[in-house]
PDB file of N, CA and C in Angstrom:
ATOM      1  N   MET A   1       0.846  -1.169   0.000  1.00  0.00           N
ATOM      2  CA  MET A   1       0.000   0.000   0.000  1.00  0.00           C
ATOM      3  C   MET A   1       0.891   1.232   0.000  1.00  0.00           C
ATOM      4  N   GLU A   2       0.596   2.164  -0.855  1.00  0.00           N
ATOM      5  CA  GLU A   2       1.358   3.404  -0.903  1.00  0.00           C
ATOM      6  C   GLU A   2       0.612   4.503  -0.176  1.00  0.00           C
ATOM      7  N   LEU A   3       1.384   5.346   0.484  1.00  0.00           N
ATOM      8  CA  LEU A   3       0.837   6.520   1.156  1.00  0.00           C
ATOM      9  C   LEU A   3       1.295   7.730   0.358  1.00  0.00           C
ATOM     10  N   ASP A   4       0.354   8.434  -0.263  1.00  0.00           N
ATOM     11  CA  ASP A   4       0.744   9.567  -1.096  1.00  0.00           C
ATOM     12  C   ASP A   4       1.230  10.733  -0.238  1.00  0.00           C
ATOM     13  N   LYS A   5       1.679  11.789  -0.900  1.00  0.00           N
ATOM     14  CA  LYS A   5       2.266  12.931  -0.198  1.00  0.00           C
ATOM     15  C   LYS A   5       1.266  13.587   0.757  1.00  0.00           C
ATOM     16  N   VAL A   6       0.023  13.689   0.353  1.00  0.00           N
ATOM     17  CA  VAL A   6      -1.000  14.300   1.214  1.00  0.00           C
ATOM     18  C   VAL A   6      -1.204  13.457   2.474  1.00  0.00           C
ATOM     19  N   GLY A   7      -1.311  12.144   2.306  1.00  0.00           N
ATOM     20  CA  GLY A   7      -1.471  11.254   3.455  1.00  0.00           C
ATOM     21  C   GLY A   7      -0.274  11.304   4.379  1.00  0.00           C
ATOM     22  N   ALA A   8       0.922  11.336   3.804  1.00  0.00           N
ATOM     23  CA  ALA A   8       2.142  11.411   4.611  1.00  0.00           C
ATOM     24  C   ALA A   8       2.201  12.719   5.389  1.00  0.00           C
ATOM     25  N   LYS A   9       1.796  13.809   4.753  1.00  0.00           N
ATOM     26  CA  LYS A   9       1.786  15.106   5.452  1.00  0.00           C
ATOM     27  C   LYS A   9       0.788  15.089   6.605  1.00  0.00           C
ATOM     28  N   LEU A  10      -0.378  14.486   6.384  1.00  0.00           N
ATOM     29  CA  LEU A  10      -1.372  14.389   7.457  1.00  0.00           C
ATOM     30  C   LEU A  10      -0.848  13.551   8.622  1.00  0.00           C
ATOM     31  N   LEU A  11      -0.182  12.440   8.316  1.00  0.00           N
ATOM     32  CA  LEU A  11       0.397  11.595   9.355  1.00  0.00           C
ATOM     33  C   LEU A  11       1.472  12.351  10.124  1.00  0.00           C
ATOM     34  N   PHE A  12       2.328  13.059   9.408  1.00  0.00           N
ATOM     35  CA  PHE A  12       3.374  13.857  10.046  1.00  0.00           C
ATOM     36  C   PHE A  12       2.748  14.915  10.952  1.00  0.00           C
ATOM     37  N   GLN A  13       1.703  15.571  10.469  1.00  0.00           N
ATOM     38  CA  GLN A  13       1.032  16.605  11.266  1.00  0.00           C
ATOM     39  C   GLN A  13       0.408  16.011  12.527  1.00  0.00           C
ATOM     40  N   LEU A  14      -0.158  14.821  12.414  1.00  0.00           N
ATOM     41  CA  LEU A  14      -0.730  14.142  13.578  1.00  0.00           C
ATOM     42  C   LEU A  14       0.337  13.909  14.640  1.00  0.00           C
ATOM     43  N   PHE A  15       1.485  13.378  14.214  1.00  0.00           N
ATOM     44  CA  PHE A  15       2.571  13.144  15.169  1.00  0.00           C
ATOM     45  C   PHE A  15       3.070  14.453  15.773  1.00  0.00           C
ATOM     46  N   THR A  16       3.168  15.487  14.947  1.00  0.00           N
ATOM     47  CA  THR A  16       3.633  16.786  15.427  1.00  0.00           C
ATOM     48  C   THR A  16       2.656  17.361  16.448  1.00  0.00           C
ATOM     49  N   ASP A  17       1.369  17.284  16.171  1.00  0.00           N
ATOM     50  CA  ASP A  17       0.353  17.822  17.081  1.00  0.00           C
ATOM     51  C   ASP A  17       0.325  17.080  18.412  1.00  0.00           C
ATOM     52  N   ARG A  18       0.530  15.781  18.383  1.00  0.00           N
ATOM     53  CA  ARG A  18       0.449  14.978  19.605  1.00  0.00           C
ATOM     54  C   ARG A  18       1.766  14.908  20.365  1.00  0.00           C
ATOM     55  N   GLU A  19       2.842  15.305  19.709  1.00  0.00           N
ATOM     56  CA  GLU A  19       4.176  15.202  20.309  1.00  0.00           C
ATOM     57  C   GLU A  19       4.219  15.902  21.671  1.00  0.00           C
ATOM     58  N   GLU A  20       4.692  15.164  22.651  1.00  0.00           N
ATOM     59  CA  GLU A  20       4.881  15.653  24.021  1.00  0.00           C
ATOM     60  C   GLU A  20       3.570  15.995  24.739  1.00  0.00           C
ATOM     61  N   ARG A  21       2.424  15.700  24.133  1.00  0.00           N
ATOM     62  CA  ARG A  21       1.160  15.952  24.818  1.00  0.00           C
ATOM     63  C   ARG A  21       0.394  14.673  25.102  1.00  0.00           C
ATOM     64  N   ARG A  22       0.461  13.725  24.201  1.00  0.00           N
ATOM     65  CA  ARG A  22      -0.291  12.483  24.333  1.00  0.00           C
ATOM     66  C   ARG A  22       0.563  11.324  23.834  1.00  0.00           C
ATOM     67  N   ALA A  23       0.243  10.157  24.342  1.00  0.00           N
ATOM     68  CA  ALA A  23       0.919   8.948  23.866  1.00  0.00           C
ATOM     69  C   ALA A  23       0.241   8.474  22.587  1.00  0.00           C
ATOM     70  N   ILE A  24       0.994   7.791  21.786  1.00  0.00           N
ATOM     71  CA  ILE A  24       0.441   7.223  20.565  1.00  0.00           C
ATOM     72  C   ILE A  24       1.085   5.857  20.355  1.00  0.00           C
ATOM     73  N   ALA A  25       0.292   4.900  19.974  1.00  0.00           N
ATOM     74  CA  ALA A  25       0.797   3.546  19.724  1.00  0.00           C
ATOM     75  C   ALA A  25       0.569   3.210  18.253  1.00  0.00           C
ATOM     76  N   ILE A  26       1.562   2.591  17.663  1.00  0.00           N
ATOM     77  CA  ILE A  26       1.485   2.224  16.255  1.00  0.00           C
ATOM     78  C   ILE A  26       1.897   0.771  16.120  1.00  0.00           C
ATOM     79  N   ALA A  27       1.156   0.023  15.349  1.00  0.00           N
ATOM     80  CA  ALA A  27       1.514  -1.373  15.067  1.00  0.00           C
ATOM     81  C   ALA A  27       1.734  -1.500  13.563  1.00  0.00           C
ATOM     82  N   THR A  28       2.793  -2.169  13.195  1.00  0.00           N
ATOM     83  CA  THR A  28       3.085  -2.386  11.781  1.00  0.00           C
ATOM     84  C   THR A  28       3.765  -3.729  11.595  1.00  0.00           C
ATOM     85  N   ASN A  29       3.564  -4.309  10.449  1.00  0.00           N
ATOM     86  CA  ASN A  29       4.254  -5.562  10.150  1.00  0.00           C
ATOM     87  C   ASN A  29       5.466  -5.329   9.257  1.00  0.00           C
ATOM     88  N   ALA A  30       5.771  -4.068   8.981  1.00  0.00           N
ATOM     89  CA  ALA A  30       6.916  -3.732   8.136  1.00  0.00           C
ATOM     90  C   ALA A  30       8.002  -3.045   8.962  1.00  0.00           C
ATOM     91  N   PRO A  31       9.237  -3.495   8.826  1.00  0.00           N
ATOM     92  CA  PRO A  31      10.331  -2.811   9.522  1.00  0.00           C
ATOM     93  C   PRO A  31      10.555  -1.432   8.895  1.00  0.00           C
ATOM     94  N   PHE A  32      11.204  -0.545   9.638  1.00  0.00           N
ATOM     95  CA  PHE A  32      11.448   0.806   9.123  1.00  0.00           C
ATOM     96  C   PHE A  32      12.172   0.782   7.781  1.00  0.00           C
ATOM     97  N   SER A  33      13.006  -0.211   7.556  1.00  0.00           N
ATOM     98  CA  SER A  33      13.757  -0.289   6.295  1.00  0.00           C
ATOM     99  C   SER A  33      12.835  -0.448   5.085  1.00  0.00           C
ATOM    100  N   GLU A  34      11.609  -0.915   5.301  1.00  0.00           N
ATOM    101  CA  GLU A  34      10.656  -1.088   4.198  1.00  0.00           C
ATOM    102  C   GLU A  34       9.689   0.086   4.045  1.00  0.00           C
ATOM    103  N   TRP A  35       9.711   1.031   4.972  1.00  0.00           N
ATOM    104  CA  TRP A  35       8.778   2.147   4.909  1.00  0.00           C
ATOM    105  C   TRP A  35       8.936   3.009   3.659  1.00  0.00           C
ATOM    106  N   PRO A  36      10.146   3.185   3.119  1.00  0.00           N
ATOM    107  CA  PRO A  36      10.241   3.986   1.891  1.00  0.00           C
ATOM    108  C   PRO A  36       9.418   3.424   0.731  1.00  0.00           C
ATOM    109  N   LYS A  37       9.082   2.144   0.765  1.00  0.00           N
ATOM    110  CA  LYS A  37       8.216   1.564  -0.270  1.00  0.00           C
ATOM    111  C   LYS A  37       6.777   2.058  -0.113  1.00  0.00           C
ATOM    112  N   THR A  38       6.408   2.425   1.108  1.00  0.00           N
ATOM    113  CA  THR A  38       5.046   2.866   1.393  1.00  0.00           C
ATOM    114  C   THR A  38       4.875   4.364   1.153  1.00  0.00           C
ATOM    115  N   PHE A  39       5.866   5.131   1.586  1.00  0.00           N
ATOM    116  CA  PHE A  39       5.801   6.584   1.434  1.00  0.00           C
ATOM    117  C   PHE A  39       6.336   6.978   0.065  1.00  0.00           C
ATOM    118  N   THR A  40       5.573   7.756  -0.682  1.00  0.00           N
ATOM    119  CA  THR A  40       6.038   8.191  -1.992  1.00  0.00           C
ATOM    120  C   THR A  40       7.038   9.338  -1.877  1.00  0.00           C
ATOM    121  N   ASP A  41       7.039  10.055  -0.769  1.00  0.00           N
ATOM    122  CA  ASP A  41       7.984  11.153  -0.528  1.00  0.00           C
ATOM    123  C   ASP A  41       9.001  10.688   0.520  1.00  0.00           C
ATOM    124  N   GLN A  42      10.222  10.417   0.083  1.00  0.00           N
ATOM    125  CA  GLN A  42      11.239   9.856   0.976  1.00  0.00           C
ATOM    126  C   GLN A  42      11.630  10.815   2.100  1.00  0.00           C
ATOM    127  N   ARG A  43      11.659  12.110   1.805  1.00  0.00           N
ATOM    128  CA  ARG A  43      11.997  13.096   2.839  1.00  0.00           C
ATOM    129  C   ARG A  43      10.946  13.085   3.942  1.00  0.00           C
ATOM    130  N   LEU A  44       9.703  13.016   3.559  1.00  0.00           N
ATOM    131  CA  LEU A  44       8.611  12.963   4.524  1.00  0.00           C
ATOM    132  C   LEU A  44       8.635  11.646   5.291  1.00  0.00           C
ATOM    133  N   CYS A  45       9.019  10.573   4.636  1.00  0.00           N
ATOM    134  CA  CYS A  45       9.143   9.273   5.301  1.00  0.00           C
ATOM    135  C   CYS A  45      10.160   9.363   6.436  1.00  0.00           C
ATOM    136  N   ARG A  46      11.329   9.937   6.142  1.00  0.00           N
ATOM    137  CA  ARG A  46      12.356  10.090   7.185  1.00  0.00           C
ATOM    138  C   ARG A  46      11.848  10.975   8.318  1.00  0.00           C
ATOM    139  N   ALA A  47      11.112  12.028   7.977  1.00  0.00           N
ATOM    140  CA  ALA A  47      10.594  12.938   9.000  1.00  0.00           C
ATOM    141  C   ALA A  47       9.574  12.238   9.897  1.00  0.00           C
ATOM    142  N   VAL A  48       8.699  11.421   9.312  1.00  0.00           N
ATOM    143  CA  VAL A  48       7.700  10.686  10.099  1.00  0.00           C
ATOM    144  C   VAL A  48       8.389   9.693  11.032  1.00  0.00           C
ATOM    145  N   ILE A  49       9.358   8.933  10.507  1.00  0.00           N
ATOM    146  CA  ILE A  49      10.087   7.976  11.344  1.00  0.00           C
ATOM    147  C   ILE A  49      10.830   8.701  12.457  1.00  0.00           C
ATOM    148  N   ASP A  50      11.438   9.838  12.128  1.00  0.00           N
ATOM    149  CA  ASP A  50      12.146  10.635  13.132  1.00  0.00           C
ATOM    150  C   ASP A  50      11.195  11.077  14.237  1.00  0.00           C
ATOM    151  N   ARG A  51      10.033  11.569  13.866  1.00  0.00           N
ATOM    152  CA  ARG A  51       9.024  12.014  14.843  1.00  0.00           C
ATOM    153  C   ARG A  51       8.574  10.854  15.730  1.00  0.00           C
ATOM    154  N   MET A  52       8.332   9.710  15.090  1.00  0.00           N
ATOM    155  CA  MET A  52       7.820   8.552  15.830  1.00  0.00           C
ATOM    156  C   MET A  52       8.835   8.005  16.823  1.00  0.00           C
ATOM    157  N   THR A  53      10.086   8.001  16.440  1.00  0.00           N
ATOM    158  CA  THR A  53      11.091   7.335  17.269  1.00  0.00           C
ATOM    159  C   THR A  53      11.722   8.245  18.306  1.00  0.00           C
ATOM    160  N   PHE A  54      11.588   9.550  18.171  1.00  0.00           N
ATOM    161  CA  PHE A  54      12.162  10.476  19.139  1.00  0.00           C
ATOM    162  C   PHE A  54      11.443  10.326  20.478  1.00  0.00           C
ATOM    163  N   ASN A  55      12.173   9.989  21.506  1.00  0.00           N
ATOM    164  CA  ASN A  55      11.621   9.757  22.853  1.00  0.00           C
ATOM    165  C   ASN A  55      10.584   8.635  22.869  1.00  0.00           C
ATOM    166  N   GLY A  56      10.631   7.769  21.899  1.00  0.00           N
ATOM    167  CA  GLY A  56       9.668   6.671  21.829  1.00  0.00           C
ATOM    168  C   GLY A  56      10.288   5.356  22.248  1.00  0.00           C
ATOM    169  N   THR A  57       9.448   4.373  22.402  1.00  0.00           N
ATOM    170  CA  THR A  57       9.886   3.017  22.720  1.00  0.00           C
ATOM    171  C   THR A  57       9.440   2.104  21.587  1.00  0.00           C
ATOM    172  N   ILE A  58      10.383   1.359  21.051  1.00  0.00           N
ATOM    173  CA  ILE A  58      10.075   0.423  19.974  1.00  0.00           C
ATOM    174  C   ILE A  58      10.061  -0.977  20.571  1.00  0.00           C
ATOM    175  N   ILE A  59       8.962  -1.662  20.403  1.00  0.00           N
ATOM    176  CA  ILE A  59       8.816  -3.027  20.913  1.00  0.00           C
ATOM    177  C   ILE A  59       8.668  -3.953  19.713  1.00  0.00           C
ATOM    178  N   GLU A  60       9.645  -4.801  19.518  1.00  0.00           N
ATOM    179  CA  GLU A  60       9.565  -5.778  18.432  1.00  0.00           C
ATOM    180  C   GLU A  60       9.055  -7.085  19.006  1.00  0.00           C
ATOM    181  N   THR A  61       8.002  -7.601  18.406  1.00  0.00           N
ATOM    182  CA  THR A  61       7.391  -8.827  18.924  1.00  0.00           C
ATOM    183  C   THR A  61       7.814 -10.064  18.153  1.00  0.00           C
ATOM    184  N   GLY A  62       8.629  -9.888  17.164  1.00  0.00           N
ATOM    185  CA  GLY A  62       9.067 -11.020  16.356  1.00  0.00           C
ATOM    186  C   GLY A  62       8.679 -10.828  14.914  1.00  0.00           C
ATOM    187  N   SER A  63       9.187 -11.687  14.076  1.00  0.00           N
ATOM    188  CA  SER A  63       8.931 -11.523  12.651  1.00  0.00           C
ATOM    189  C   SER A  63       7.697 -12.288  12.173  1.00  0.00           C
ATOM    190  N   GLU A  64       7.236 -13.245  12.942  1.00  0.00           N
ATOM    191  CA  GLU A  64       6.084 -14.051  12.542  1.00  0.00           C
ATOM    192  C   GLU A  64       4.786 -13.401  13.030  1.00  0.00           C
ATOM    193  N   SER A  65       3.850 -13.249  12.149  1.00  0.00           N
ATOM    194  CA  SER A  65       2.562 -12.654  12.465  1.00  0.00           C
ATOM    195  C   SER A  65       1.739 -13.582  13.361  1.00  0.00           C
ATOM    196  N   TYR A  66       1.136 -13.016  14.393  1.00  0.00           N
ATOM    197  CA  TYR A  66       0.260 -13.794  15.273  1.00  0.00           C
ATOM    198  C   TYR A  66      -0.913 -14.362  14.477  1.00  0.00           C
ATOM    199  N   ARG A  67      -1.486 -13.550  13.599  1.00  0.00           N
ATOM    200  CA  ARG A  67      -2.624 -14.005  12.795  1.00  0.00           C
ATOM    201  C   ARG A  67      -2.215 -15.146  11.875  1.00  0.00           C
ATOM    202  N   ALA A  68      -1.029 -15.032  11.281  1.00  0.00           N
ATOM    203  CA  ALA A  68      -0.558 -16.099  10.392  1.00  0.00           C
ATOM    204  C   ALA A  68      -0.349 -17.389  11.172  1.00  0.00           C
ATOM    205  N   GLN A  69       0.212 -17.291  12.372  1.00  0.00           N
ATOM    206  CA  GLN A  69       0.406 -18.481  13.203  1.00  0.00           C
ATOM    207  C   GLN A  69      -0.934 -19.111  13.565  1.00  0.00           C
ATOM    208  N   SER A  70      -1.901 -18.278  13.965  1.00  0.00           N
ATOM    209  CA  SER A  70      -3.226 -18.782  14.340  1.00  0.00           C
ATOM    210  C   SER A  70      -3.915 -19.450  13.158  1.00  0.00           C
ATOM    211  N   THR A  71      -3.820 -18.827  11.996  1.00  0.00           N
ATOM    212  CA  THR A  71      -4.435 -19.390  10.797  1.00  0.00           C
ATOM    213  C   THR A  71      -3.807 -20.731  10.446  1.00  0.00           C
ATOM    214  N   GLN A  72      -2.483 -20.803  10.517  1.00  0.00           N
ATOM    215  CA  GLN A  72      -1.782 -22.050  10.208  1.00  0.00           C
ATOM    216  C   GLN A  72      -2.198 -23.156  11.171  1.00  0.00           C
ATOM    217  N   ALA A  73      -2.285 -22.839  12.463  1.00  0.00           N
ATOM    218  CA  ALA A  73      -2.686 -23.840  13.461  1.00  0.00           C
ATOM    219  C   ALA A  73      -4.114 -24.316  13.202  1.00  0.00           C
ATOM    220  N   ARG A  74      -5.015 -23.375  12.865  1.00  0.00           N
ATOM    221  CA  ARG A  74      -6.408 -23.730  12.596  1.00  0.00           C
ATOM    222  C   ARG A  74      -6.510 -24.632  11.365  1.00  0.00           C
ATOM    223  N   LEU A  75      -5.748 -24.312  10.320  1.00  0.00           N
ATOM    224  CA  LEU A  75      -5.764 -25.140   9.109  1.00  0.00           C
ATOM    225  C   LEU A  75      -5.244 -26.547   9.389  1.00  0.00           C
ATOM    226  N   GLN A  76      -4.205 -26.646  10.199  1.00  0.00           N
ATOM    227  CA  GLN A  76      -3.673 -27.965  10.547  1.00  0.00           C
ATOM    228  C   GLN A  76      -4.697 -28.775  11.336  1.00  0.00           C
ATOM    229  N   GLU A  77      -5.412 -28.118  12.255  1.00  0.00           N
ATOM    230  CA  GLU A  77      -6.454 -28.806  13.026  1.00  0.00           C
ATOM    231  C   GLU A  77      -7.576 -29.280  12.106  1.00  0.00           C
ATOM    232  N   GLN A  78      -7.965 -28.444  11.147  1.00  0.00           N
ATOM    233  CA  GLN A  78      -9.025 -28.818  10.211  1.00  0.00           C
ATOM    234  C   GLN A  78      -8.594 -29.991   9.332  1.00  0.00           C
ATOM    235  N   GLN A  79      -7.345 -29.972   8.883  1.00  0.00           N
ATOM    236  CA  GLN A  79      -6.843 -31.072   8.060  1.00  0.00           C
ATOM    237  C   GLN A  79      -6.789 -32.366   8.859  1.00  0.00           C
ATOM    238  N   LEU A  80      -6.377 -32.278  10.111  1.00  0.00           N
ATOM    239  CA  LEU A  80      -6.324 -33.459  10.970  1.00  0.00           C
ATOM    240  C   LEU A  80      -7.730 -34.019  11.186  1.00  0.00           C
ATOM    241  N   ALA A  81      -8.680 -33.126  11.475  1.00  0.00           N
ATOM    242  CA  ALA A  81     -10.062 -33.564  11.690  1.00  0.00           C
ATOM    243  C   ALA A  81     -10.628 -34.197  10.418  1.00  0.00           C
ATOM    244  N   ALA A  82     -10.321 -33.609   9.268  1.00  0.00           N
ATOM    245  CA  ALA A  82     -10.820 -34.157   8.001  1.00  0.00           C
ATOM    246  C   ALA A  82     -10.237 -35.539   7.738  1.00  0.00           C
ATOM    247  N   SER A  83      -8.947 -35.713   8.015  1.00  0.00           N
ATOM    248  CA  SER A  83      -8.341 -37.032   7.775  1.00  0.00           C
ATOM    249  C   SER A  83      -8.878 -38.062   8.759  1.00  0.00           C
ATOM    250  N   GLU A  84      -9.171 -37.645   9.992  1.00  0.00           N
ATOM    251  CA  GLU A  84      -9.776 -38.568  10.965  1.00  0.00           C
ATOM    252  C   GLU A  84     -11.179 -38.955  10.524  1.00  0.00           C
ATOM    253  N   ASN A  85     -11.937 -37.989  10.016  1.00  0.00           N
ATOM    254  CA  ASN A  85     -13.290 -38.271   9.522  1.00  0.00           C
ATOM    255  C   ASN A  85     -13.245 -39.206   8.323  1.00  0.00           C
ATOM    256  N   ASP A  86     -12.276 -39.001   7.428  1.00  0.00           N
ATOM    257  CA  ASP A  86     -12.132 -39.890   6.269  1.00  0.00           C
ATOM    258  C   ASP A  86     -11.855 -41.315   6.731  1.00  0.00           C
ATOM    259  N   GLY A  87     -11.031 -41.458   7.761  1.00  0.00           N
ATOM    260  CA  GLY A  87     -10.731 -42.786   8.297  1.00  0.00           C
ATOM    261  C   GLY A  87     -11.960 -43.437   8.892  1.00  0.00           C
ATOM    262  N   LEU A  88     -12.778 -42.665   9.600  1.00  0.00           N
ATOM    263  CA  LEU A  88     -14.007 -43.204  10.198  1.00  0.00           C
ATOM    264  C   LEU A  88     -15.006 -43.614   9.124  1.00  0.00           C
ATOM    265  N   ILE A  89     -15.144 -42.768   8.107  1.00  0.00           N
ATOM    266  CA  ILE A  89     -16.086 -43.075   7.027  1.00  0.00           C
ATOM    267  C   ILE A  89     -15.633 -44.325   6.286  1.00  0.00           C
ATOM    268  N   GLY A  90     -14.329 -44.450   6.052  1.00  0.00           N
ATOM    269  CA  GLY A  90     -13.796 -45.640   5.386  1.00  0.00           C
ATOM    270  C   GLY A  90     -14.058 -46.890   6.203  1.00  0.00           C
ATOM    271  N   ALA A  91     -13.917 -46.793   7.525  1.00  0.00           N
ATOM    272  CA  ALA A  91     -14.151 -47.950   8.399  1.00  0.00           C
ATOM    273  C   ALA A  91     -15.623 -48.333   8.397  1.00  0.00           C
ATOM    274  N   LEU A  92     -16.519 -47.346   8.334  1.00  0.00           N
ATOM    275  CA  LEU A  92     -17.953 -47.629   8.328  1.00  0.00           C
ATOM    276  C   LEU A  92     -18.393 -48.266   7.015  1.00  0.00           C
ATOM    277  N   ASN A  93     -17.718 -47.962   5.924  1.00  0.00           N
ATOM    278  CA  ASN A  93     -18.092 -48.491   4.611  1.00  0.00           C
ATOM    279  C   ASN A  93     -17.544 -49.884   4.348  1.00  0.00           C
ATOM    280  N   ARG A  94     -16.671 -50.373   5.205  1.00  0.00           N
ATOM    281  CA  ARG A  94     -16.121 -51.725   5.004  1.00  0.00           C
ATOM    282  C   ARG A  94     -17.166 -52.768   5.379  1.00  0.00           C
ATOM    283  N   PRO A  95     -17.199 -53.903   4.629  1.00  0.00           N
ATOM    284  CA  PRO A  95     -18.192 -54.958   4.934  1.00  0.00           C
ATOM    285  C   PRO A  95     -17.866 -55.684   6.208  1.00  0.00           C
TER     286      PRO A  95
END
């Protein structure tokens, strides 16, 4: 997803307005090194990252998405249940 110059300016203004007055929390699945792909204006991208990280705390939770892990576990459970059901149906159909 790209953030055009207008969107980037609005985001920068939000951080500027809230700076030193209120806390703000941001969650992203992209490391800062990938943000230039999102922001079409590289100068504004650096300014937004600078604003966000100044006096901020960065908490990295890992590279694997919680949602992706949950989805994978659910799919494995469904596949296991389906194979167990296939085994039961096969046993019931035997003479």
